[in-house]
Structure formats: C-alpha cells, structure tokens
Amino acid sequence: MLAKVISSTVVGIEAEEVVVEVDVSGGLPGFSIVGLPDTAVKESINRVKAAIKNCGFEFPGRKITVNLAPGDIKKHGPSFDLPIALGIMTATGQIHPDSFHGKVICGELSLDGKLRPIAGSLALALAFKNKRLSNLLLPQDNSAEAAIARGIEVLPLVDLRQAVGFLRKEVEILPQKVDLRRIWKDSGHCHLDMSDVKGQTYIKRALEIAACGRHNILMMGPAGSGKSMLAKRLPTIMPEMTLEEALEATKIHSVSGLLTNKAPIVTERPFRAPHHTISDVALVGGGSIPQPGEISMAHNGVLFLDELPEFHRDALEALRQPLEDGVIRIARVNKYIELPCNFMLVCAMNPCPCGRLGQKRHPCSCSTTQVYRYRSKISSPLLDRIDIHIDVKPLKYPDLKNNEPCESSKDIKMRVKRAHKTQKARFRREGILFNSAMSSRQIKKYCILDENAANLLRAAMEKYEISARGYDKILKVARTIADASQSGEIRAEHLSEAIQYRSLDRDVFV
C-alpha cells in the first residue's frame, strides 16, 4: 500500500514542500530511502523503527521504500523522522489516509518516540501560511516559534503516540497561541548601557554618528582602551527593531536552530562577534548545503570584528560584495540562493603589532615596515567600504576615577531616532533609508556645500591625498552629522568633524 505525507525541508532560509511517499510491499524485509537524502535522513531508518516499536505500534516485516519528492532537492536533517513513521503506519493500515488532508508534518524522533526540536520551524510556517495546508504539526519545543506566523494553525506534539492519537481523532490538540505584545514587552531589558563607559566622549560621539547614518566604523587603539566595550553597547543606541525586522532576524536564527520556546522571536538587534580564526564560509555563509553565516546572523544588527588584521584574508575579502548589496548570493550547480545580510560593520584593531604606536610612556617597538605590513593585511577595497576610522586613546586615571554619571544609551538613542526620521523623510522616494547607502547621484543632490565648506574639503583632500571614494565617504558622514544637528545644510563644522573621522587617510605612522 502507498501512503503520502506532506513535509518540508529548508533550503537557505526558505522552506520547500516535500512529499514523503511510503510504499510497503511484499518480498524480503528491507528499508530504503531515496530522493537525495543526506546521512542524517538515511539514519532515520533506525530511529523510526525503534520509535514505532517502543510506542507499542506494529512495524511491518516487509519491504519499505520511502521516496522524498521532488528528487532534485537535497534533503537534510532529521525532521523527516515523524512523517516517515506516520507514512509507514498509514501504509500498513494503522492510520486512515484521509487523516493527513491539509497537514504539514515535521519532527525528529528519539528512540522512545518522543519528539526533539528541529531547525527552521518559523521558515516552515511562513512558507505554508495562507495556503491549502491549514495545520502544521511540529515538536512542542518549536511550536511557539512557528506560531508567530499568522495564517496557519500550529499543533504542538510531544511524542509519536500523541501524533497517532490525533490523526485517529482519539486525542485533541489545541493550536499554539503566542502573545507577541507580551513577548515584546518582556524582552528588550539589556543590561549593557553607554553610561557604563567612562570617558571616551569622542568615541561615543563617533558611534552615535555611525548609528545615525548606518555607517561602518573602524576603531583603532591599544589593548584595554575600551574598543570591545564600546562596540558591544552600539546596539543599545540603535532604534528598536520593527516587527518586520524582527521576523527577518528570527527567521535566520530559526534556520540556525538558535531559538527556544522561552525566546521564540528576536526582539533585540543582533550582535555577532566571531573569533578571528573563522573561515570565509562560516563568516558569509555557504557550504554543500547552504547555511547562513555570521553576516546573515547579524542582519538588522551589528557585526563586530575584533583584531581585524588577524582575520583570514579570504574571509575579509568575502565581505566586500555583501557590504555593498546587503545580501550574499550563493551559487550551486542546481541552486541559487540569496541570504539577507544588511548589517552595520564595526571593526577594532591595534595601531601596530605591539599595540603601543603613539604612546610616550611605553614607546612602540615596531619598525615602519612592520606597521605597514600589519595594516596592509586589510585591503584598500575593504577599507574604502568603512566610512568612519577613529583613533581610540587609552583612558587616564582622572577618567577612571570620575564617578559623575555619563550619558545613557536611552538619551543617545533619542537623537539617533530623530536623525533616522529625517533621513526617512528625505529618501522616501529614493529607495534607500540611510545616508550610507547614497549613490553618487544622490550625494550630488543632497550634499551641497557652501563656499567655506568646499574650500575646507579641497584643502583636506590636497593635504591628505584622500581618494575619490574617501571624498564620497566624507560627504556622506558630513550629511549625517548635519542631520544629527537638525541642520538642513552641511556647514564647515560638520565637514570638519567628518574629516576627523578618516584617521587612516591622515595617518603617517608616527
């Protein structure tokens, strides 16, 4: 007898429908799975057999053939355990075939029949909502995450017995309900705050400008000067995520298996800080079965690369296209996948290999050649995609001793929101949201300089030999500084501050 069960697999961050076809026929006992299964899918043979027997159901001693259609999509992961088990029981007459009408079923089985959580349940729910399929049967641990998507009923399952009882109409399962307002209200209590950082007023200002215009930023300073501490607090001055942004981030985290029923949705802006030994595939995504990388995990948030020159050259160069486009395109022989990666890049590095360049008490021991070789690990094309370069000076004793309250993230966030509102109004017909995304045409249109400002920029370019791309970056940052000051015009003081944020253009290795 032939049985069919609708299931799904995740490709990239999108779910594809898979029909699990089970045929139980006469002949020598055997169990085979076809349809491009990976090792985890093939191993379901043993899990399914043990689960069915340990739950007290009949496992047929006949030839079992399972086909996962369509056959040209690679199937991966253990989420086909439950539909295969139910398909076998249907093909042997233990479940009526009509019971599966309008249902999508996914889940991993343990040997005793209990269901383990799977990855990508939100992607599944979003893919099947508002379609002919009205019910999504998932492990209980994934139900809250999937229920965020409206348009499909999510039915939580504990084990194989409950699934069989529901399909036989012997057990009632209530749809999972999620109160998004309560979750949103209970979340967002970050213990980090800019007021924790003593001194470094100049660096806080640079981070504020970066957040206002979504500019990428590089902090260069000795160890212990507070670069990591400042970077970790950058998300606290960025505006709260909208529901649309939260769903985008949650979908990516869901596919990566990082969500739980206690935290079924990402409500705070992601902050990802991979170690410098990370590979290019782990950073940007990919693999034989394409998976999101760190840049996609940081979507709508911050990607922090500490000790930037220590990252592998291939990994850093792979960032160039995603930084420009906000998506990473992964091509395979029979599949083309786009993963979102619209993030703010925050980098930190020492000024030289020993980290003491420019200090008087403990002078640098590096030669000019060593400093040049150290900094040249970061290519010019990548540096050109970083709008703000800022020097971070070590704190002195009076700054550390000072117990006066510093400005909080909440106060800074109010100014950032105001700047975002200004840019949103300006670019409402331009197809962009922030100054950092302006094209050459838009720079000419919105970054008009008066005579004093134009003379200042001309002198800076001649003195520091700033490139054409650096010229555009200065104008973009100056436009953001003007927006933060609620000024319609870019004045000389705005331009002067923007020039100060190009320290690598001005550096002479002294």
Protein backbone atom coordinates (compact mmCIF):
# COMPACT_ATOMS: atom_id res chain seq x y z
CA MET A 1 0.00 0.00 0.00
CA LEU A 2 1.16 3.52 -0.80
CA ALA A 3 0.90 6.46 1.65
CA LYS A 4 1.74 10.15 1.17
CA VAL A 5 2.59 12.71 3.88
CA ILE A 6 3.39 16.39 3.27
CA SER A 7 6.59 17.57 4.94
CA SER A 8 9.25 20.20 4.23
CA THR A 9 12.95 20.94 4.05
CA VAL A 10 14.79 24.25 4.42
CA VAL A 11 16.97 25.48 1.56
CA GLY A 12 18.95 28.53 2.64
CA ILE A 13 16.34 30.28 4.79
CA GLU A 14 13.31 29.28 2.71
CA ALA A 15 11.19 26.15 3.16
CA GLU A 16 10.40 23.85 0.24
CA GLU A 17 7.49 21.42 0.20
CA VAL A 18 8.48 17.74 0.25
CA VAL A 19 6.09 14.83 -0.30
CA VAL A 20 7.09 11.78 1.75
CA GLU A 21 5.89 8.74 -0.22
CA VAL A 22 5.95 5.41 1.62
CA ASP A 23 5.38 2.07 -0.08
CA VAL A 24 5.11 -1.16 1.92
CA SER A 25 5.16 -4.24 -0.31
CA GLY A 26 5.86 -7.95 -0.21
CA GLY A 27 9.29 -9.51 -0.55
CA LEU A 28 12.35 -9.72 1.65
CA PRO A 29 12.31 -7.28 4.63
CA GLY A 30 14.16 -4.08 3.85
CA PHE A 31 14.08 -0.29 4.42
CA SER A 32 15.43 2.19 1.84
CA ILE A 33 15.14 5.96 1.39
CA VAL A 34 15.57 7.69 -1.99
CA GLY A 35 15.24 11.29 -3.17
CA LEU A 36 18.69 12.84 -2.44
CA PRO A 37 18.76 12.16 1.34
CA ASP A 38 21.82 13.14 3.35
CA THR A 39 23.34 10.98 6.09
CA ALA A 40 21.00 12.30 8.80
CA VAL A 41 17.96 11.40 6.69
CA LYS A 42 19.31 7.92 5.92
CA GLU A 43 19.90 7.30 9.62
CA SER A 44 16.20 7.87 10.28
CA ILE A 45 15.69 4.21 9.30
CA ASN A 46 16.92 3.10 12.72
CA ARG A 47 15.23 5.89 14.68
CA VAL A 48 11.84 5.33 13.04
CA LYS A 49 11.94 1.55 13.52
CA ALA A 50 12.83 1.81 17.21
CA ALA A 51 10.29 4.61 17.88
CA ILE A 52 7.38 2.72 16.31
CA LYS A 53 8.16 -0.47 18.25
CA ASN A 54 8.82 1.29 21.57
CA CYS A 55 5.50 3.15 21.33
CA GLY A 56 3.66 -0.15 21.03
CA PHE A 57 2.75 0.08 17.34
CA GLU A 58 3.31 -2.53 14.63
CA PHE A 59 6.40 -2.28 12.46
CA PRO A 60 5.99 -4.28 9.23
CA GLY A 61 8.48 -7.03 8.45
CA ARG A 62 8.22 -6.31 4.73
CA LYS A 63 9.97 -4.22 2.08
CA ILE A 64 9.65 -0.49 2.83
CA THR A 65 10.57 2.13 0.23
CA VAL A 66 10.50 5.85 1.10
CA ASN A 67 10.70 8.48 -1.63
CA LEU A 68 11.26 12.15 -0.80
CA ALA A 69 9.86 14.14 -3.72
CA PRO A 70 10.89 16.20 -5.61
CA GLY A 71 14.04 14.23 -6.20
CA ASP A 72 16.23 17.14 -7.35
CA ILE A 73 16.30 18.94 -3.97
CA LYS A 74 18.86 17.81 -1.38
CA LYS A 75 17.08 16.66 1.80
CA HIS A 76 18.97 17.18 5.05
CA GLY A 77 18.41 16.92 8.76
CA PRO A 78 16.33 14.59 10.93
CA SER A 79 12.98 16.41 10.51
CA PHE A 80 11.61 13.66 8.22
CA ASP A 81 11.53 11.07 11.05
CA LEU A 82 7.95 11.78 12.07
CA PRO A 83 6.37 11.91 8.57
CA ILE A 84 8.21 8.70 7.60
CA ALA A 85 6.95 6.91 10.73
CA LEU A 86 3.37 8.10 10.16
CA GLY A 87 3.64 7.17 6.49
CA ILE A 88 4.68 3.60 7.38
CA MET A 89 1.77 3.29 9.83
CA THR A 90 -0.64 4.61 7.18
CA ALA A 91 0.67 2.20 4.54
CA THR A 92 0.08 -0.69 6.97
CA GLY A 93 -3.48 0.38 7.77
CA GLN A 94 -2.89 1.75 11.29
CA ILE A 95 -3.88 5.32 10.26
CA HIS A 96 -6.52 6.35 7.72
CA PRO A 97 -5.01 8.11 4.66
CA ASP A 98 -7.60 10.93 4.79
CA SER A 99 -6.26 11.99 8.19
CA PHE A 100 -3.38 13.88 6.52
CA HIS A 101 -5.55 16.24 4.48
CA GLY A 102 -4.36 19.85 4.89
CA LYS A 103 -1.49 18.96 7.24
CA VAL A 104 2.28 19.56 7.12
CA ILE A 105 4.28 17.31 9.45
CA CYS A 106 7.90 17.62 10.61
CA GLY A 107 9.82 16.32 13.59
CA GLU A 108 12.80 14.32 14.82
CA LEU A 109 12.12 11.12 16.76
CA SER A 110 14.09 9.77 19.68
CA LEU A 111 14.23 6.01 20.15
CA ASP A 112 11.42 6.07 22.72
CA GLY A 113 9.12 8.01 20.36
CA LYS A 114 9.50 11.45 21.94
CA LEU A 115 9.93 14.41 19.59
CA ARG A 116 13.06 16.54 19.56
CA PRO A 117 13.14 20.15 18.30
CA ILE A 118 14.10 20.90 14.70
CA ALA A 119 15.63 23.92 13.00
CA GLY A 120 13.72 26.30 10.74
CA SER A 121 10.18 25.94 12.09
CA LEU A 122 9.39 29.64 11.54
CA ALA A 123 10.54 29.34 7.92
CA LEU A 124 8.17 26.38 7.56
CA ALA A 125 5.22 28.29 8.99
CA LEU A 126 5.88 31.34 6.81
CA ALA A 127 6.18 29.19 3.68
CA PHE A 128 2.87 27.37 4.17
CA LYS A 129 0.67 30.07 5.71
CA ASN A 130 -2.42 31.17 3.77
CA LYS A 131 -2.20 28.10 1.52
CA ARG A 132 -4.31 24.96 1.15
CA LEU A 133 -2.44 23.44 4.09
CA SER A 134 -4.08 24.63 7.30
CA ASN A 135 -2.24 22.70 10.05
CA LEU A 136 1.45 22.45 10.90
CA LEU A 137 2.34 19.57 13.23
CA LEU A 138 5.66 20.20 14.98
CA PRO A 139 7.56 19.23 18.14
CA GLN A 140 6.29 21.12 21.16
CA ASP A 141 9.64 22.88 21.61
CA ASN A 142 9.20 24.56 18.19
CA SER A 143 5.53 25.46 18.47
CA ALA A 144 5.82 28.96 19.95
CA GLU A 145 8.39 29.97 17.36
CA ALA A 146 6.23 28.73 14.45
CA ALA A 147 3.05 30.27 15.89
CA ILE A 148 4.48 33.75 15.33
CA ALA A 149 3.48 33.36 11.68
CA ARG A 150 -0.19 34.10 11.18
CA GLY A 151 -2.30 32.18 8.67
CA ILE A 152 -1.60 28.59 9.75
CA GLU A 153 -2.51 26.63 12.90
CA VAL A 154 0.48 25.20 14.72
CA LEU A 155 -0.25 21.98 16.63
CA PRO A 156 2.39 21.07 19.24
CA LEU A 157 3.32 17.39 19.59
CA VAL A 158 5.08 15.67 22.48
CA ASP A 159 5.63 12.19 21.02
CA LEU A 160 4.64 9.71 18.33
CA ARG A 161 1.75 8.34 20.39
CA GLN A 162 0.12 11.76 20.59
CA ALA A 163 0.57 12.30 16.84
CA VAL A 164 -1.08 8.97 16.04
CA GLY A 165 -3.90 9.61 18.52
CA PHE A 166 -4.60 13.00 16.95
CA LEU A 167 -4.71 11.58 13.42
CA ARG A 168 -7.03 8.83 14.63
CA LYS A 169 -9.24 11.53 16.21
CA GLU A 170 -8.69 9.96 19.63
CA VAL A 171 -6.75 12.93 21.06
CA GLU A 172 -7.48 16.65 20.80
CA ILE A 173 -4.60 19.10 20.37
CA LEU A 174 -5.21 22.81 20.85
CA PRO A 175 -3.39 25.18 18.47
CA GLN A 176 -0.40 27.01 19.91
CA LYS A 177 -1.09 30.66 20.72
CA VAL A 178 1.55 33.34 21.10
CA ASP A 179 1.04 36.78 22.62
CA LEU A 180 3.50 38.91 20.67
CA ARG A 181 2.71 42.01 22.70
CA ARG A 182 3.61 40.27 25.95
CA ILE A 183 6.80 38.80 24.48
CA TRP A 184 7.79 42.21 23.13
CA LYS A 185 7.05 43.84 26.48
CA ASP A 186 9.01 41.26 28.47
CA SER A 187 12.04 41.48 26.20
CA GLY A 188 14.49 44.25 25.49
CA HIS A 189 15.93 44.51 29.01
CA CYS A 190 19.57 44.76 28.01
CA HIS A 191 21.99 45.12 30.92
CA LEU A 192 24.51 46.99 28.78
CA ASP A 193 24.48 50.79 28.59
CA MET A 194 26.72 53.53 27.24
CA SER A 195 26.75 55.07 30.70
CA ASP A 196 28.95 52.14 31.77
CA VAL A 197 31.80 53.54 29.64
CA LYS A 198 33.83 56.19 31.41
CA GLY A 199 35.39 58.94 29.35
CA GLN A 200 35.81 58.30 25.60
CA THR A 201 33.36 61.10 24.77
CA TYR A 202 34.88 61.50 21.31
CA ILE A 203 34.44 57.77 20.52
CA LYS A 204 30.86 57.75 21.81
CA ARG A 205 30.12 60.65 19.50
CA ALA A 206 31.59 58.74 16.54
CA LEU A 207 29.47 55.69 17.37
CA GLU A 208 26.40 57.91 17.61
CA ILE A 209 27.07 59.34 14.15
CA ALA A 210 27.67 55.82 12.82
CA ALA A 211 24.32 54.68 14.23
CA CYS A 212 22.54 57.77 12.85
CA GLY A 213 23.58 57.07 9.25
CA ARG A 214 24.25 53.30 9.47
CA HIS A 215 27.91 53.91 8.68
CA ASN A 216 30.52 51.17 9.07
CA ILE A 217 33.19 52.11 11.59
CA LEU A 218 36.75 51.09 12.45
CA MET A 219 38.20 51.77 15.92
CA MET A 220 41.97 51.72 16.20
CA GLY A 221 43.65 51.82 19.59
CA PRO A 222 45.81 49.92 22.11
CA ALA A 223 44.55 46.96 24.12
CA GLY A 224 42.43 47.97 27.10
CA SER A 225 41.26 51.27 25.65
CA GLY A 226 37.61 50.11 25.57
CA LYS A 227 37.04 49.22 21.91
CA SER A 228 35.15 45.99 22.60
CA MET A 229 33.20 47.52 25.45
CA LEU A 230 32.02 50.35 23.21
CA ALA A 231 31.18 48.05 20.31
CA LYS A 232 29.00 45.79 22.49
CA ARG A 233 26.95 48.81 23.51
CA LEU A 234 26.35 50.09 19.98
CA PRO A 235 23.06 48.12 19.56
CA THR A 236 21.71 49.88 22.69
CA ILE A 237 21.72 53.26 20.91
CA MET A 238 20.14 51.94 17.72
CA PRO A 239 16.34 52.25 17.37
CA GLU A 240 14.22 49.26 18.39
CA MET A 241 13.51 46.74 15.66
CA THR A 242 10.19 46.88 13.85
CA LEU A 243 8.08 43.71 13.70
CA GLU A 244 9.15 43.19 10.09
CA GLU A 245 12.84 43.44 11.01
CA ALA A 246 12.31 41.12 13.98
CA LEU A 247 10.67 38.47 11.77
CA GLU A 248 13.54 38.67 9.27
CA ALA A 249 16.13 38.19 12.02
CA THR A 250 14.07 35.48 13.73
CA LYS A 251 13.76 33.50 10.51
CA ILE A 252 17.54 33.39 10.11
CA HIS A 253 18.08 32.42 13.76
CA SER A 254 15.36 29.79 13.42
CA VAL A 255 17.11 28.10 10.49
CA SER A 256 20.31 28.09 12.55
CA GLY A 257 18.49 26.39 15.45
CA LEU A 258 19.12 29.19 17.97
CA LEU A 259 15.55 29.81 19.18
CA THR A 260 13.64 28.28 22.10
CA ASN A 261 10.04 28.40 23.30
CA LYS A 262 11.14 30.83 26.01
CA ALA A 263 12.57 33.19 23.40
CA PRO A 264 10.69 32.41 20.17
CA ILE A 265 11.39 35.75 18.49
CA VAL A 266 14.43 38.00 18.20
CA THR A 267 13.41 41.34 19.70
CA GLU A 268 16.82 42.96 20.21
CA ARG A 269 19.18 43.92 17.42
CA PRO A 270 21.63 41.06 16.87
CA PHE A 271 25.25 41.49 17.90
CA ARG A 272 27.64 38.94 16.43
CA ALA A 273 31.34 38.85 17.30
CA PRO A 274 33.02 35.88 15.57
CA HIS A 275 36.57 34.85 16.51
CA HIS A 276 39.31 35.87 14.10
CA THR A 277 40.00 32.22 13.19
CA ILE A 278 36.60 31.93 11.47
CA SER A 279 36.57 30.61 7.90
CA ASP A 280 35.13 32.53 4.97
CA VAL A 281 32.21 30.06 4.66
CA ALA A 282 31.31 30.39 8.34
CA LEU A 283 31.52 34.18 8.05
CA VAL A 284 29.48 34.81 4.90
CA GLY A 285 27.53 31.54 4.64
CA GLY A 286 27.54 28.64 2.22
CA GLY A 287 28.60 25.02 2.42
CA SER A 288 27.47 21.97 0.44
CA ILE A 289 24.04 22.57 1.96
CA PRO A 290 23.96 26.41 2.07
CA GLN A 291 23.54 27.78 5.57
CA PRO A 292 23.50 31.38 6.87
CA GLY A 293 26.86 32.72 8.05
CA GLU A 294 27.69 35.30 10.70
CA ILE A 295 26.88 38.21 8.39
CA SER A 296 23.33 36.90 7.97
CA MET A 297 23.04 36.22 11.70
CA ALA A 298 23.89 39.92 12.17
CA HIS A 299 21.11 41.01 9.77
CA ASN A 300 19.46 44.23 11.05
CA GLY A 301 22.12 44.40 13.75
CA VAL A 302 25.87 44.68 14.29
CA LEU A 303 28.77 42.51 13.12
CA PHE A 304 31.84 43.14 15.29
CA LEU A 305 35.24 42.02 14.03
CA ASP A 306 37.79 42.41 16.81
CA GLU A 307 41.51 42.19 15.93
CA LEU A 308 40.63 42.85 12.29
CA PRO A 309 44.10 42.21 10.77
CA GLU A 310 44.16 38.74 12.33
CA PHE A 311 41.18 37.52 10.26
CA HIS A 312 41.96 35.36 7.24
CA ARG A 313 42.39 37.44 4.10
CA ASP A 314 39.84 35.34 2.19
CA ALA A 315 37.22 35.88 4.88
CA LEU A 316 37.70 39.66 4.87
CA GLU A 317 37.63 39.91 1.08
CA ALA A 318 34.38 37.92 1.02
CA LEU A 319 32.75 40.81 2.91
CA ARG A 320 33.14 43.30 0.08
CA GLN A 321 30.09 42.39 -2.02
CA PRO A 322 27.71 41.85 0.96
CA LEU A 323 28.67 45.25 2.40
CA GLU A 324 27.65 46.91 -0.87
CA ASP A 325 24.47 44.93 -1.63
CA GLY A 326 23.07 43.89 1.75
CA VAL A 327 22.66 40.29 0.50
CA ILE A 328 25.02 37.37 -0.04
CA ARG A 329 24.50 35.34 -3.19
CA ILE A 330 25.47 31.66 -3.04
CA ALA A 331 25.53 29.75 -6.32
CA ARG A 332 25.47 25.97 -6.56
CA VAL A 333 25.21 23.68 -9.61
CA ASN A 334 21.42 23.37 -9.43
CA LYS A 335 20.50 26.13 -6.97
CA TYR A 336 20.95 29.87 -6.50
CA ILE A 337 20.33 31.24 -3.01
CA GLU A 338 20.20 34.79 -1.64
CA LEU A 339 20.62 35.36 2.09
CA PRO A 340 19.94 38.79 3.66
CA CYS A 341 22.84 40.47 5.45
CA ASN A 342 22.05 44.14 5.98
CA PHE A 343 24.27 44.88 8.98
CA MET A 344 26.50 47.54 10.50
CA LEU A 345 30.16 46.55 10.39
CA VAL A 346 32.17 47.55 13.48
CA CYS A 347 35.88 46.70 13.45
CA ALA A 348 38.63 47.07 16.03
CA MET A 349 42.38 46.76 15.71
CA ASN A 350 45.65 47.77 17.32
CA PRO A 351 47.58 50.64 15.70
CA CYS A 352 50.59 48.34 15.22
CA PRO A 353 51.66 44.76 16.03
CA CYS A 354 52.80 45.66 19.57
CA GLY A 355 49.80 47.98 20.09
CA ARG A 356 51.78 50.91 21.52
CA LEU A 357 52.17 53.18 18.48
CA GLY A 358 51.94 56.84 19.52
CA GLN A 359 52.40 56.22 23.26
CA LYS A 360 55.09 58.18 25.06
CA ARG A 361 55.48 56.29 28.34
CA HIS A 362 55.80 52.90 26.61
CA PRO A 363 57.02 53.70 23.10
CA CYS A 364 56.32 51.46 20.14
CA SER A 365 58.99 48.90 19.26
CA CYS A 366 57.72 48.24 15.71
CA SER A 367 59.51 49.46 12.62
CA THR A 368 57.69 51.39 9.91
CA THR A 369 57.86 48.31 7.70
CA GLN A 370 56.24 46.17 10.39
CA VAL A 371 53.44 48.70 10.91
CA TYR A 372 52.86 48.92 7.17
CA ARG A 373 52.83 45.14 6.79
CA TYR A 374 50.41 44.80 9.72
CA ARG A 375 47.92 47.34 8.35
CA SER A 376 48.24 46.11 4.78
CA LYS A 377 46.53 42.87 5.87
CA ILE A 378 43.37 44.92 5.41
CA SER A 379 42.91 45.63 1.72
CA SER A 380 42.14 49.10 0.41
CA PRO A 381 38.82 47.99 -1.17
CA LEU A 382 37.61 46.79 2.22
CA LEU A 383 38.80 49.94 3.99
CA ASP A 384 37.00 52.01 1.37
CA ARG A 385 33.75 50.39 2.49
CA ILE A 386 34.29 51.61 6.07
CA ASP A 387 33.04 55.18 6.39
CA ILE A 388 34.50 56.14 9.77
CA HIS A 389 38.05 55.49 11.05
CA ILE A 390 38.58 56.63 14.62
CA ASP A 391 41.57 56.55 16.98
CA VAL A 392 40.79 55.30 20.50
CA LYS A 393 43.15 56.68 23.12
CA PRO A 394 43.84 54.83 26.40
CA LEU A 395 42.00 56.17 29.43
CA LYS A 396 43.88 58.15 32.05
CA TYR A 397 43.43 57.94 35.81
CA PRO A 398 41.15 61.02 36.18
CA ASP A 399 38.71 59.50 33.66
CA LEU A 400 38.62 56.18 35.52
CA LYS A 401 38.30 57.87 38.91
CA ASN A 402 35.49 60.16 37.78
CA ASN A 403 32.16 58.91 39.22
CA GLU A 404 29.93 61.52 37.61
CA PRO A 405 27.06 59.91 35.65
CA CYS A 406 27.66 59.58 31.91
CA GLU A 407 25.04 59.97 29.20
CA SER A 408 22.83 56.88 28.93
CA SER A 409 22.04 54.84 25.83
CA LYS A 410 18.42 55.96 26.11
CA ASP A 411 19.36 59.63 25.68
CA ILE A 412 21.65 58.91 22.74
CA LYS A 413 19.02 56.67 21.12
CA MET A 414 16.53 59.56 21.08
CA ARG A 415 18.91 61.62 18.92
CA VAL A 416 19.59 58.63 16.65
CA LYS A 417 15.85 58.11 16.14
CA ARG A 418 15.46 61.77 15.25
CA ALA A 419 18.21 61.50 12.61
CA HIS A 420 16.60 58.35 11.19
CA LYS A 421 13.29 60.18 10.89
CA THR A 422 14.98 62.98 8.94
CA GLN A 423 16.59 60.52 6.52
CA LYS A 424 13.37 58.57 6.09
CA ALA A 425 11.58 61.73 5.01
CA ARG A 426 14.40 62.70 2.65
CA PHE A 427 14.70 59.33 0.93
CA ARG A 428 11.01 58.35 0.87
CA ARG A 429 11.11 58.26 -2.95
CA GLU A 430 14.73 57.20 -3.40
CA GLY A 431 14.53 53.52 -2.44
CA ILE A 432 17.08 53.83 0.41
CA LEU A 433 16.81 54.54 4.12
CA PHE A 434 20.16 55.89 5.29
CA ASN A 435 22.88 58.30 4.20
CA SER A 436 25.45 55.50 3.99
CA ALA A 437 23.54 54.00 1.03
CA MET A 438 23.57 57.16 -1.10
CA SER A 439 24.74 56.81 -4.70
CA SER A 440 26.94 59.36 -6.48
CA ARG A 441 23.85 60.99 -7.97
CA GLN A 442 22.22 61.27 -4.55
CA ILE A 443 25.40 62.67 -3.00
CA LYS A 444 25.37 65.47 -5.58
CA LYS A 445 21.71 66.13 -4.84
CA TYR A 446 21.74 66.07 -1.02
CA CYS A 447 25.33 67.01 -0.08
CA ILE A 448 25.63 70.54 -1.42
CA LEU A 449 28.47 72.55 0.17
CA ASP A 450 28.75 76.28 0.65
CA GLU A 451 31.96 78.07 -0.30
CA ASN A 452 33.63 77.74 3.13
CA ALA A 453 32.88 74.03 3.35
CA ALA A 454 34.04 73.43 -0.24
CA ASN A 455 37.35 75.19 0.44
CA LEU A 456 37.86 73.14 3.60
CA LEU A 457 37.27 69.86 1.77
CA ARG A 458 39.58 70.87 -1.08
CA ALA A 459 42.39 71.66 1.37
CA ALA A 460 41.89 68.35 3.21
CA MET A 461 41.97 66.31 0.01
CA GLU A 462 45.17 68.02 -1.16
CA LYS A 463 46.89 67.68 2.21
CA TYR A 464 45.94 64.06 2.97
CA GLU A 465 45.63 62.79 -0.63
CA ILE A 466 42.15 61.44 0.00
CA SER A 467 40.77 59.13 -2.71
CA ALA A 468 37.58 59.71 -4.68
CA ARG A 469 35.79 57.08 -2.62
CA GLY A 470 37.08 58.76 0.55
CA TYR A 471 35.66 62.03 -0.77
CA ASP A 472 32.23 60.43 -1.06
CA LYS A 473 32.51 58.91 2.41
CA ILE A 474 33.33 62.27 3.96
CA LEU A 475 30.30 63.86 2.32
CA LYS A 476 28.00 61.04 3.49
CA VAL A 477 29.24 61.30 7.07
CA ALA A 478 29.01 65.11 6.96
CA ARG A 479 25.40 64.78 5.79
CA THR A 480 24.70 62.51 8.78
CA ILE A 481 26.38 64.93 11.20
CA ALA A 482 24.21 67.72 9.82
CA ASP A 483 21.11 65.53 10.25
CA ALA A 484 22.09 64.75 13.83
CA SER A 485 22.34 68.50 14.41
CA GLN A 486 18.96 69.03 12.71
CA SER A 487 20.62 71.20 10.08
CA GLY A 488 19.37 71.26 6.52
CA GLU A 489 22.75 72.47 5.23
CA ILE A 490 26.21 70.93 5.53
CA ARG A 491 28.30 73.58 7.20
CA ALA A 492 32.06 73.81 7.66
CA GLU A 493 31.90 72.45 11.23
CA HIS A 494 30.02 69.36 10.03
CA LEU A 495 32.57 68.76 7.31
CA SER A 496 35.47 69.34 9.69
CA GLU A 497 34.14 66.66 12.06
CA ALA A 498 33.64 64.24 9.16
CA ILE A 499 37.25 64.74 8.05
CA GLN A 500 38.41 63.93 11.58
CA TYR A 501 36.67 60.56 11.23
CA ARG A 502 39.09 59.50 8.44
CA SER A 503 42.12 58.83 10.63
CA LEU A 504 43.70 56.26 8.29
CA ASP A 505 43.67 58.81 5.47
CA ARG A 506 45.57 61.22 7.74
CA ASP A 507 47.89 58.70 9.45
CA VAL A 508 51.62 58.90 8.77
CA PHE A 509 52.69 56.10 11.19
CA VAL A 510 54.18 58.30 13.86
